[in-house]
PDB file of N, CA and C in Angstrom:
ATOM      1  N   MET A   1      13.060 -15.620   1.860  1.00  0.00           N
ATOM      2  CA  MET A   1      12.500 -16.723   2.684  1.00  0.00           C
ATOM      3  C   MET A   1      13.583 -17.720   2.994  1.00  0.00           C
ATOM      4  N   ASP A   2      13.521 -18.298   4.077  1.00  0.00           N
ATOM      5  CA  ASP A   2      14.505 -19.282   4.551  1.00  0.00           C
ATOM      6  C   ASP A   2      14.325 -20.577   3.737  1.00  0.00           C
ATOM      7  N   ALA A   3      15.457 -21.247   3.464  1.00  0.00           N
ATOM      8  CA  ALA A   3      15.464 -22.492   2.712  1.00  0.00           C
ATOM      9  C   ALA A   3      14.724 -23.583   3.396  1.00  0.00           C
ATOM     10  N   ALA A   4      14.573 -23.537   4.730  1.00  0.00           N
ATOM     11  CA  ALA A   4      13.918 -24.586   5.475  1.00  0.00           C
ATOM     12  C   ALA A   4      12.411 -24.634   5.229  1.00  0.00           C
ATOM     13  N   TYR A   5      11.822 -23.618   4.629  1.00  0.00           N
ATOM     14  CA  TYR A   5      10.418 -23.663   4.312  1.00  0.00           C
ATOM     15  C   TYR A   5      10.105 -24.723   3.297  1.00  0.00           C
ATOM     16  N   ASP A   6      11.058 -25.062   2.486  1.00  0.00           N
ATOM     17  CA  ASP A   6      10.865 -26.116   1.491  1.00  0.00           C
ATOM     18  C   ASP A   6      11.095 -27.498   2.125  1.00  0.00           C
ATOM     19  N   ALA A   7      10.272 -27.841   3.054  1.00  0.00           N
ATOM     20  CA  ALA A   7      10.394 -29.082   3.747  1.00  0.00           C
ATOM     21  C   ALA A   7       9.144 -29.957   3.432  1.00  0.00           C
ATOM     22  N   LYS A   8       9.349 -31.246   3.336  1.00  0.00           N
ATOM     23  CA  LYS A   8       8.249 -32.130   2.998  1.00  0.00           C
ATOM     24  C   LYS A   8       7.125 -32.066   4.002  1.00  0.00           C
ATOM     25  N   ARG A   9       7.476 -31.980   5.281  1.00  0.00           N
ATOM     26  CA  ARG A   9       6.462 -31.946   6.339  1.00  0.00           C
ATOM     27  C   ARG A   9       5.592 -30.715   6.236  1.00  0.00           C
ATOM     28  N   ILE A  10       6.177 -29.536   5.982  1.00  0.00           N
ATOM     29  CA  ILE A  10       5.391 -28.323   5.841  1.00  0.00           C
ATOM     30  C   ILE A  10       4.449 -28.430   4.626  1.00  0.00           C
ATOM     31  N   ASN A  11       5.011 -28.955   3.524  1.00  0.00           N
ATOM     32  CA  ASN A  11       4.183 -29.105   2.349  1.00  0.00           C
ATOM     33  C   ASN A  11       3.009 -30.020   2.563  1.00  0.00           C
ATOM     34  N   GLU A  12       3.240 -31.174   3.183  1.00  0.00           N
ATOM     35  CA  GLU A  12       2.158 -32.129   3.464  1.00  0.00           C
ATOM     36  C   GLU A  12       1.103 -31.560   4.453  1.00  0.00           C
ATOM     37  N   THR A  13       1.548 -30.856   5.491  1.00  0.00           N
ATOM     38  CA  THR A  13       0.633 -30.281   6.427  1.00  0.00           C
ATOM     39  C   THR A  13      -0.253 -29.238   5.766  1.00  0.00           C
ATOM     40  N   SER A  14       0.342 -28.430   4.894  1.00  0.00           N
ATOM     41  CA  SER A  14      -0.420 -27.454   4.173  1.00  0.00           C
ATOM     42  C   SER A  14      -1.464 -28.083   3.316  1.00  0.00           C
ATOM     43  N   ARG A  15      -1.107 -29.151   2.640  1.00  0.00           N
ATOM     44  CA  ARG A  15      -2.071 -29.866   1.764  1.00  0.00           C
ATOM     45  C   ARG A  15      -3.192 -30.523   2.585  1.00  0.00           C
ATOM     46  N   GLN A  16      -2.872 -31.026   3.798  1.00  0.00           N
ATOM     47  CA  GLN A  16      -3.921 -31.593   4.647  1.00  0.00           C
ATOM     48  C   GLN A  16      -5.002 -30.588   5.001  1.00  0.00           C
ATOM     49  N   PHE A  17      -4.614 -29.329   5.146  1.00  0.00           N
ATOM     50  CA  PHE A  17      -5.613 -28.277   5.425  1.00  0.00           C
ATOM     51  C   PHE A  17      -6.334 -27.789   4.176  1.00  0.00           C
ATOM     52  N   GLY A  18      -6.036 -28.379   3.073  1.00  0.00           N
ATOM     53  CA  GLY A  18      -6.650 -27.983   1.790  1.00  0.00           C
ATOM     54  C   GLY A  18      -6.027 -26.760   1.164  1.00  0.00           C
ATOM     55  N   HIS A  19      -4.813 -26.448   1.588  1.00  0.00           N
ATOM     56  CA  HIS A  19      -4.103 -25.282   0.979  1.00  0.00           C
ATOM     57  C   HIS A  19      -3.193 -25.747  -0.101  1.00  0.00           C
ATOM     58  N   VAL A  20      -2.822 -24.866  -0.971  1.00  0.00           N
ATOM     59  CA  VAL A  20      -1.806 -25.132  -1.990  1.00  0.00           C
ATOM     60  C   VAL A  20      -0.566 -24.393  -1.606  1.00  0.00           C
ATOM     61  N   PRO A  21       0.483 -25.080  -1.162  1.00  0.00           N
ATOM     62  CA  PRO A  21       1.686 -24.361  -0.702  1.00  0.00           C
ATOM     63  C   PRO A  21       2.423 -23.755  -1.889  1.00  0.00           C
ATOM     64  N   ILE A  22       2.724 -22.464  -1.778  1.00  0.00           N
ATOM     65  CA  ILE A  22       3.497 -21.776  -2.790  1.00  0.00           C
ATOM     66  C   ILE A  22       4.842 -21.468  -2.139  1.00  0.00           C
ATOM     67  N   ILE A  23       5.775 -22.434  -2.189  1.00  0.00           N
ATOM     68  CA  ILE A  23       7.030 -22.340  -1.568  1.00  0.00           C
ATOM     69  C   ILE A  23       8.152 -22.441  -2.588  1.00  0.00           C
ATOM     70  N   ASP A  24       9.084 -21.514  -2.508  1.00  0.00           N
ATOM     71  CA  ASP A  24      10.248 -21.519  -3.408  1.00  0.00           C
ATOM     72  C   ASP A  24      11.018 -22.768  -3.160  1.00  0.00           C
ATOM     73  N   LYS A  25      11.369 -23.521  -4.184  1.00  0.00           N
ATOM     74  CA  LYS A  25      12.102 -24.764  -4.066  1.00  0.00           C
ATOM     75  C   LYS A  25      13.573 -24.520  -3.769  1.00  0.00           C
ATOM     76  N   ASN A  26      14.074 -25.355  -2.793  1.00  0.00           N
ATOM     77  CA  ASN A  26      15.506 -25.290  -2.493  1.00  0.00           C
ATOM     78  C   ASN A  26      16.171 -26.482  -3.136  1.00  0.00           C
ATOM     79  N   ALA A  27      17.209 -26.204  -3.951  1.00  0.00           N
ATOM     80  CA  ALA A  27      17.844 -27.292  -4.768  1.00  0.00           C
ATOM     81  C   ALA A  27      18.544 -28.318  -3.858  1.00  0.00           C
ATOM     82  N   ARG A  28      19.196 -27.907  -2.831  1.00  0.00           N
ATOM     83  CA  ARG A  28      19.942 -28.777  -1.942  1.00  0.00           C
ATOM     84  C   ARG A  28      20.895 -29.694  -2.727  1.00  0.00           C
ATOM     85  N   GLY A  29      21.515 -29.107  -3.776  1.00  0.00           N
ATOM     86  CA  GLY A  29      22.521 -29.862  -4.554  1.00  0.00           C
ATOM     87  C   GLY A  29      21.884 -30.670  -5.673  1.00  0.00           C
ATOM     88  N   ARG A  30      20.602 -30.610  -5.827  1.00  0.00           N
ATOM     89  CA  ARG A  30      19.956 -31.433  -6.883  1.00  0.00           C
ATOM     90  C   ARG A  30      19.323 -30.458  -7.881  1.00  0.00           C
ATOM     91  N   GLU A  31      18.767 -31.035  -8.940  1.00  0.00           N
ATOM     92  CA  GLU A  31      18.053 -30.225  -9.928  1.00  0.00           C
ATOM     93  C   GLU A  31      16.709 -29.811  -9.339  1.00  0.00           C
ATOM     94  N   VAL A  32      16.357 -28.531  -9.545  1.00  0.00           N
ATOM     95  CA  VAL A  32      15.130 -27.977  -8.981  1.00  0.00           C
ATOM     96  C   VAL A  32      13.988 -28.143 -10.000  1.00  0.00           C
ATOM     97  N   ILE A  33      12.863 -28.664  -9.484  1.00  0.00           N
ATOM     98  CA  ILE A  33      11.660 -28.746 -10.348  1.00  0.00           C
ATOM     99  C   ILE A  33      10.961 -27.340 -10.270  1.00  0.00           C
ATOM    100  N   SER A  34      10.781 -26.741 -11.374  1.00  0.00           N
ATOM    101  CA  SER A  34      10.215 -25.402 -11.370  1.00  0.00           C
ATOM    102  C   SER A  34       8.703 -25.457 -11.025  1.00  0.00           C
ATOM    103  N   MET A  35       8.189 -24.340 -10.591  1.00  0.00           N
ATOM    104  CA  MET A  35       6.775 -24.200 -10.232  1.00  0.00           C
ATOM    105  C   MET A  35       5.928 -24.197 -11.501  1.00  0.00           C
ATOM    106  N   ALA A  36       4.661 -24.597 -11.351  1.00  0.00           N
ATOM    107  CA  ALA A  36       3.720 -24.450 -12.438  1.00  0.00           C
ATOM    108  C   ALA A  36       3.549 -22.942 -12.693  1.00  0.00           C
ATOM    109  N   PRO A  37       3.188 -22.558 -13.924  1.00  0.00           N
ATOM    110  CA  PRO A  37       3.055 -21.105 -14.200  1.00  0.00           C
ATOM    111  C   PRO A  37       2.088 -20.387 -13.322  1.00  0.00           C
ATOM    112  N   HIS A  38       0.961 -20.992 -12.974  1.00  0.00           N
ATOM    113  CA  HIS A  38      -0.002 -20.312 -12.112  1.00  0.00           C
ATOM    114  C   HIS A  38       0.526 -20.153 -10.658  1.00  0.00           C
ATOM    115  N   GLU A  39       1.314 -21.154 -10.216  1.00  0.00           N
ATOM    116  CA  GLU A  39       1.910 -21.045  -8.893  1.00  0.00           C
ATOM    117  C   GLU A  39       3.016 -19.999  -8.908  1.00  0.00           C
ATOM    118  N   ALA A  40       3.773 -19.901  -9.984  1.00  0.00           N
ATOM    119  CA  ALA A  40       4.825 -18.889 -10.077  1.00  0.00           C
ATOM    120  C   ALA A  40       4.208 -17.461 -10.035  1.00  0.00           C
ATOM    121  N   GLU A  41       3.101 -17.282 -10.643  1.00  0.00           N
ATOM    122  CA  GLU A  41       2.422 -15.983 -10.643  1.00  0.00           C
ATOM    123  C   GLU A  41       1.925 -15.623  -9.251  1.00  0.00           C
ATOM    124  N   ARG A  42       1.349 -16.606  -8.576  1.00  0.00           N
ATOM    125  CA  ARG A  42       0.918 -16.415  -7.176  1.00  0.00           C
ATOM    126  C   ARG A  42       2.090 -16.124  -6.227  1.00  0.00           C
ATOM    127  N   TYR A  43       3.209 -16.817  -6.478  1.00  0.00           N
ATOM    128  CA  TYR A  43       4.428 -16.594  -5.693  1.00  0.00           C
ATOM    129  C   TYR A  43       4.886 -15.148  -5.887  1.00  0.00           C
ATOM    130  N   LYS A  44       4.895 -14.685  -7.124  1.00  0.00           N
ATOM    131  CA  LYS A  44       5.348 -13.313  -7.425  1.00  0.00           C
ATOM    132  C   LYS A  44       4.430 -12.322  -6.729  1.00  0.00           C
ATOM    133  N   ASN A  45       3.095 -12.530  -6.769  1.00  0.00           N
ATOM    134  CA  ASN A  45       2.155 -11.621  -6.130  1.00  0.00           C
ATOM    135  C   ASN A  45       2.350 -11.665  -4.609  1.00  0.00           C
ATOM    136  N   ARG A  46       2.573 -12.862  -4.013  1.00  0.00           N
ATOM    137  CA  ARG A  46       2.762 -12.940  -2.609  1.00  0.00           C
ATOM    138  C   ARG A  46       4.060 -12.195  -2.180  1.00  0.00           C
ATOM    139  N   SER A  47       5.084 -12.306  -3.037  1.00  0.00           N
ATOM    140  CA  SER A  47       6.329 -11.610  -2.722  1.00  0.00           C
ATOM    141  C   SER A  47       6.188 -10.092  -2.714  1.00  0.00           C
ATOM    142  N   ILE A  48       5.327  -9.625  -3.589  1.00  0.00           N
ATOM    143  CA  ILE A  48       5.030  -8.168  -3.680  1.00  0.00           C
ATOM    144  C   ILE A  48       4.334  -7.715  -2.397  1.00  0.00           C
ATOM    145  N   VAL A  49       3.363  -8.500  -1.947  1.00  0.00           N
ATOM    146  CA  VAL A  49       2.687  -8.168  -0.709  1.00  0.00           C
ATOM    147  C   VAL A  49       3.597  -8.195   0.460  1.00  0.00           C
ATOM    148  N   GLU A  50       4.477  -9.208   0.549  1.00  0.00           N
ATOM    149  CA  GLU A  50       5.424  -9.287   1.641  1.00  0.00           C
ATOM    150  C   GLU A  50       6.387  -8.125   1.620  1.00  0.00           C
ATOM    151  N   TRP A  51       6.793  -7.706   0.430  1.00  0.00           N
ATOM    152  CA  TRP A  51       7.679  -6.576   0.259  1.00  0.00           C
ATOM    153  C   TRP A  51       6.967  -5.283   0.799  1.00  0.00           C
ATOM    154  N   ALA A  52       5.721  -5.090   0.445  1.00  0.00           N
ATOM    155  CA  ALA A  52       4.937  -3.911   0.894  1.00  0.00           C
ATOM    156  C   ALA A  52       4.772  -3.936   2.409  1.00  0.00           C
ATOM    157  N   ASN A  53       4.466  -5.078   2.993  1.00  0.00           N
ATOM    158  CA  ASN A  53       4.297  -5.188   4.379  1.00  0.00           C
ATOM    159  C   ASN A  53       5.629  -4.927   5.102  1.00  0.00           C
ATOM    160  N   GLY A  54       6.684  -5.383   4.561  1.00  0.00           N
ATOM    161  CA  GLY A  54       8.040  -5.145   5.166  1.00  0.00           C
ATOM    162  C   GLY A  54       8.368  -3.647   5.132  1.00  0.00           C
ATOM    163  N   ARG A  55       8.092  -2.963   4.012  1.00  0.00           N
ATOM    164  CA  ARG A  55       8.348  -1.529   3.919  1.00  0.00           C
ATOM    165  C   ARG A  55       7.497  -0.774   4.929  1.00  0.00           C
ATOM    166  N   LEU A  56       6.260  -1.209   5.027  1.00  0.00           N
ATOM    167  CA  LEU A  56       5.322  -0.571   5.986  1.00  0.00           C
ATOM    168  C   LEU A  56       5.840  -0.681   7.415  1.00  0.00           C
ATOM    169  N   LYS A  57       6.339  -1.866   7.749  1.00  0.00           N
ATOM    170  CA  LYS A  57       6.891  -2.046   9.085  1.00  0.00           C
ATOM    171  C   LYS A  57       8.182  -1.307   9.318  1.00  0.00           C
ATOM    172  N   GLU A  58       9.152  -1.479   8.390  1.00  0.00           N
ATOM    173  CA  GLU A  58      10.486  -0.921   8.615  1.00  0.00           C
ATOM    174  C   GLU A  58      10.575   0.593   8.371  1.00  0.00           C
ATOM    175  N   ASP A  59       9.914   1.081   7.320  1.00  0.00           N
ATOM    176  CA  ASP A  59      10.109   2.489   6.954  1.00  0.00           C
ATOM    177  C   ASP A  59       9.006   3.444   7.395  1.00  0.00           C
ATOM    178  N   PHE A  60       7.816   2.906   7.664  1.00  0.00           N
ATOM    179  CA  PHE A  60       6.700   3.787   7.967  1.00  0.00           C
ATOM    180  C   PHE A  60       6.039   3.527   9.258  1.00  0.00           C
ATOM    181  N   GLY A  61       6.711   2.921  10.220  1.00  0.00           N
ATOM    182  CA  GLY A  61       6.278   2.862  11.612  1.00  0.00           C
ATOM    183  C   GLY A  61       5.266   1.837  12.015  1.00  0.00           C
ATOM    184  N   ALA A  62       4.969   0.860  11.205  1.00  0.00           N
ATOM    185  CA  ALA A  62       3.965  -0.122  11.571  1.00  0.00           C
ATOM    186  C   ALA A  62       4.445  -1.100  12.627  1.00  0.00           C
ATOM    187  N   SER A  63       5.757  -1.203  12.821  1.00  0.00           N
ATOM    188  CA  SER A  63       6.267  -2.146  13.828  1.00  0.00           C
ATOM    189  C   SER A  63       6.285  -1.544  15.228  1.00  0.00           C
ATOM    190  N   ASN A  64       6.036  -0.237  15.350  1.00  0.00           N
ATOM    191  CA  ASN A  64       6.166   0.410  16.618  1.00  0.00           C
ATOM    192  C   ASN A  64       4.983   1.412  16.791  1.00  0.00           C
ATOM    193  N   VAL A  65       3.760   0.883  16.899  1.00  0.00           N
ATOM    194  CA  VAL A  65       2.602   1.718  17.098  1.00  0.00           C
ATOM    195  C   VAL A  65       2.444   1.964  18.571  1.00  0.00           C
ATOM    196  N   MET A  66       2.406   3.281  18.948  1.00  0.00           N
ATOM    197  CA  MET A  66       2.427   3.651  20.375  1.00  0.00           C
ATOM    198  C   MET A  66       1.056   4.180  20.823  1.00  0.00           C
ATOM    199  N   VAL A  67      -0.026   3.714  20.234  1.00  0.00           N
ATOM    200  CA  VAL A  67      -1.357   4.114  20.645  1.00  0.00           C
ATOM    201  C   VAL A  67      -2.171   2.893  21.016  1.00  0.00           C
ATOM    202  N   LYS A  68      -3.274   3.114  21.736  1.00  0.00           N
ATOM    203  CA  LYS A  68      -4.172   2.029  22.108  1.00  0.00           C
ATOM    204  C   LYS A  68      -5.505   2.283  21.461  1.00  0.00           C
ATOM    205  N   GLY A  69      -6.167   1.172  21.176  1.00  0.00           N
ATOM    206  CA  GLY A  69      -7.530   1.305  20.635  1.00  0.00           C
ATOM    207  C   GLY A  69      -7.520   0.966  19.130  1.00  0.00           C
ATOM    208  N   HIS A  70      -8.504   0.236  18.729  1.00  0.00           N
ATOM    209  CA  HIS A  70      -8.594  -0.208  17.335  1.00  0.00           C
ATOM    210  C   HIS A  70      -8.636   0.939  16.350  1.00  0.00           C
ATOM    211  N   CYS A  71      -9.412   1.953  16.633  1.00  0.00           N
ATOM    212  CA  CYS A  71      -9.514   3.112  15.703  1.00  0.00           C
ATOM    213  C   CYS A  71      -8.181   3.859  15.507  1.00  0.00           C
ATOM    214  N   LYS A  72      -7.518   4.072  16.662  1.00  0.00           N
ATOM    215  CA  LYS A  72      -6.234   4.829  16.608  1.00  0.00           C
ATOM    216  C   LYS A  72      -5.163   4.001  15.882  1.00  0.00           C
ATOM    217  N   VAL A  73      -5.108   2.699  16.156  1.00  0.00           N
ATOM    218  CA  VAL A  73      -4.063   1.880  15.496  1.00  0.00           C
ATOM    219  C   VAL A  73      -4.377   1.793  14.005  1.00  0.00           C
ATOM    220  N   THR A  74      -5.654   1.630  13.627  1.00  0.00           N
ATOM    221  CA  THR A  74      -5.996   1.605  12.230  1.00  0.00           C
ATOM    222  C   THR A  74      -5.609   2.937  11.571  1.00  0.00           C
ATOM    223  N   GLN A  75      -5.876   4.054  12.262  1.00  0.00           N
ATOM    224  CA  GLN A  75      -5.536   5.334  11.684  1.00  0.00           C
ATOM    225  C   GLN A  75      -4.039   5.453  11.433  1.00  0.00           C
ATOM    226  N   HIS A  76      -3.231   5.094  12.395  1.00  0.00           N
ATOM    227  CA  HIS A  76      -1.778   5.115  12.244  1.00  0.00           C
ATOM    228  C   HIS A  76      -1.290   4.260  11.103  1.00  0.00           C
ATOM    229  N   LEU A  77      -1.884   3.017  11.012  1.00  0.00           N
ATOM    230  CA  LEU A  77      -1.439   2.144   9.908  1.00  0.00           C
ATOM    231  C   LEU A  77      -1.837   2.692   8.556  1.00  0.00           C
ATOM    232  N   MET A  78      -3.042   3.309   8.483  1.00  0.00           N
ATOM    233  CA  MET A  78      -3.499   3.899   7.222  1.00  0.00           C
ATOM    234  C   MET A  78      -2.623   5.121   6.820  1.00  0.00           C
ATOM    235  N   PHE A  79      -2.171   5.876   7.798  1.00  0.00           N
ATOM    236  CA  PHE A  79      -1.209   6.953   7.500  1.00  0.00           C
ATOM    237  C   PHE A  79       0.033   6.333   6.862  1.00  0.00           C
ATOM    238  N   GLY A  80       0.503   5.251   7.369  1.00  0.00           N
ATOM    239  CA  GLY A  80       1.691   4.566   6.792  1.00  0.00           C
ATOM    240  C   GLY A  80       1.401   4.095   5.401  1.00  0.00           C
ATOM    241  N   VAL A  81       0.196   3.553   5.162  1.00  0.00           N
ATOM    242  CA  VAL A  81      -0.177   3.099   3.791  1.00  0.00           C
ATOM    243  C   VAL A  81      -0.232   4.259   2.814  1.00  0.00           C
ATOM    244  N   ILE A  82      -0.758   5.397   3.293  1.00  0.00           N
ATOM    245  CA  ILE A  82      -0.811   6.593   2.435  1.00  0.00           C
ATOM    246  C   ILE A  82       0.603   7.036   2.062  1.00  0.00           C
ATOM    247  N   VAL A  83       1.448   7.092   3.049  1.00  0.00           N
ATOM    248  CA  VAL A  83       2.861   7.528   2.770  1.00  0.00           C
ATOM    249  C   VAL A  83       3.557   6.533   1.904  1.00  0.00           C
ATOM    250  N   LEU A  84       3.322   5.259   2.079  1.00  0.00           N
ATOM    251  CA  LEU A  84       3.900   4.252   1.192  1.00  0.00           C
ATOM    252  C   LEU A  84       3.407   4.431  -0.241  1.00  0.00           C
ATOM    253  N   PHE A  85       2.129   4.708  -0.392  1.00  0.00           N
ATOM    254  CA  PHE A  85       1.563   4.935  -1.723  1.00  0.00           C
ATOM    255  C   PHE A  85       2.207   6.177  -2.342  1.00  0.00           C
ATOM    256  N   ALA A  86       2.356   7.255  -1.572  1.00  0.00           N
ATOM    257  CA  ALA A  86       2.904   8.482  -2.076  1.00  0.00           C
ATOM    258  C   ALA A  86       4.392   8.246  -2.459  1.00  0.00           C
ATOM    259  N   ASP A  87       5.083   7.501  -1.682  1.00  0.00           N
ATOM    260  CA  ASP A  87       6.477   7.198  -1.987  1.00  0.00           C
ATOM    261  C   ASP A  87       6.590   6.435  -3.284  1.00  0.00           C
ATOM    262  N   GLN A  88       5.769   5.453  -3.449  1.00  0.00           N
ATOM    263  CA  GLN A  88       5.757   4.660  -4.716  1.00  0.00           C
ATOM    264  C   GLN A  88       5.364   5.527  -5.881  1.00  0.00           C
ATOM    265  N   LEU A  89       4.422   6.399  -5.703  1.00  0.00           N
ATOM    266  CA  LEU A  89       3.961   7.289  -6.755  1.00  0.00           C
ATOM    267  C   LEU A  89       5.076   8.238  -7.192  1.00  0.00           C
ATOM    268  N   MET A  90       5.827   8.749  -6.228  1.00  0.00           N
ATOM    269  CA  MET A  90       6.953   9.660  -6.517  1.00  0.00           C
ATOM    270  C   MET A  90       8.067   8.915  -7.271  1.00  0.00           C
ATOM    271  N   ARG A  91       8.219   7.613  -7.017  1.00  0.00           N
ATOM    272  CA  ARG A  91       9.223   6.825  -7.737  1.00  0.00           C
ATOM    273  C   ARG A  91       8.853   6.655  -9.206  1.00  0.00           C
ATOM    274  N   LEU A  92       7.549   6.586  -9.487  1.00  0.00           N
ATOM    275  CA  LEU A  92       7.065   6.453 -10.852  1.00  0.00           C
ATOM    276  C   LEU A  92       7.318   7.699 -11.663  1.00  0.00           C
ATOM    277  N   LEU A  93       7.216   8.849 -11.007  1.00  0.00           N
ATOM    278  CA  LEU A  93       7.375  10.140 -11.681  1.00  0.00           C
ATOM    279  C   LEU A  93       8.808  10.449 -11.802  1.00  0.00           C
TER     280      LEU A  93
END
């Protein structure tokens, strides 16, 4: 994630909408205040989801779907999810 996401304005806007921003802190030459343990766990889970979405896009064709229609697009994306699952399963074995 880009260091610019750790901006006061983004943090405040997120809180105005009632959200809890889970943003990695950028030291900018100062001491970094670490996240609360529950926020750190949510950050780790979010990173896993972003990693899986990135692999789905880059490695399994989700960024270049060449069909039209909700059902066909869903089918192609689910094929990518199945292949991603199989790939991860093979890495465990």
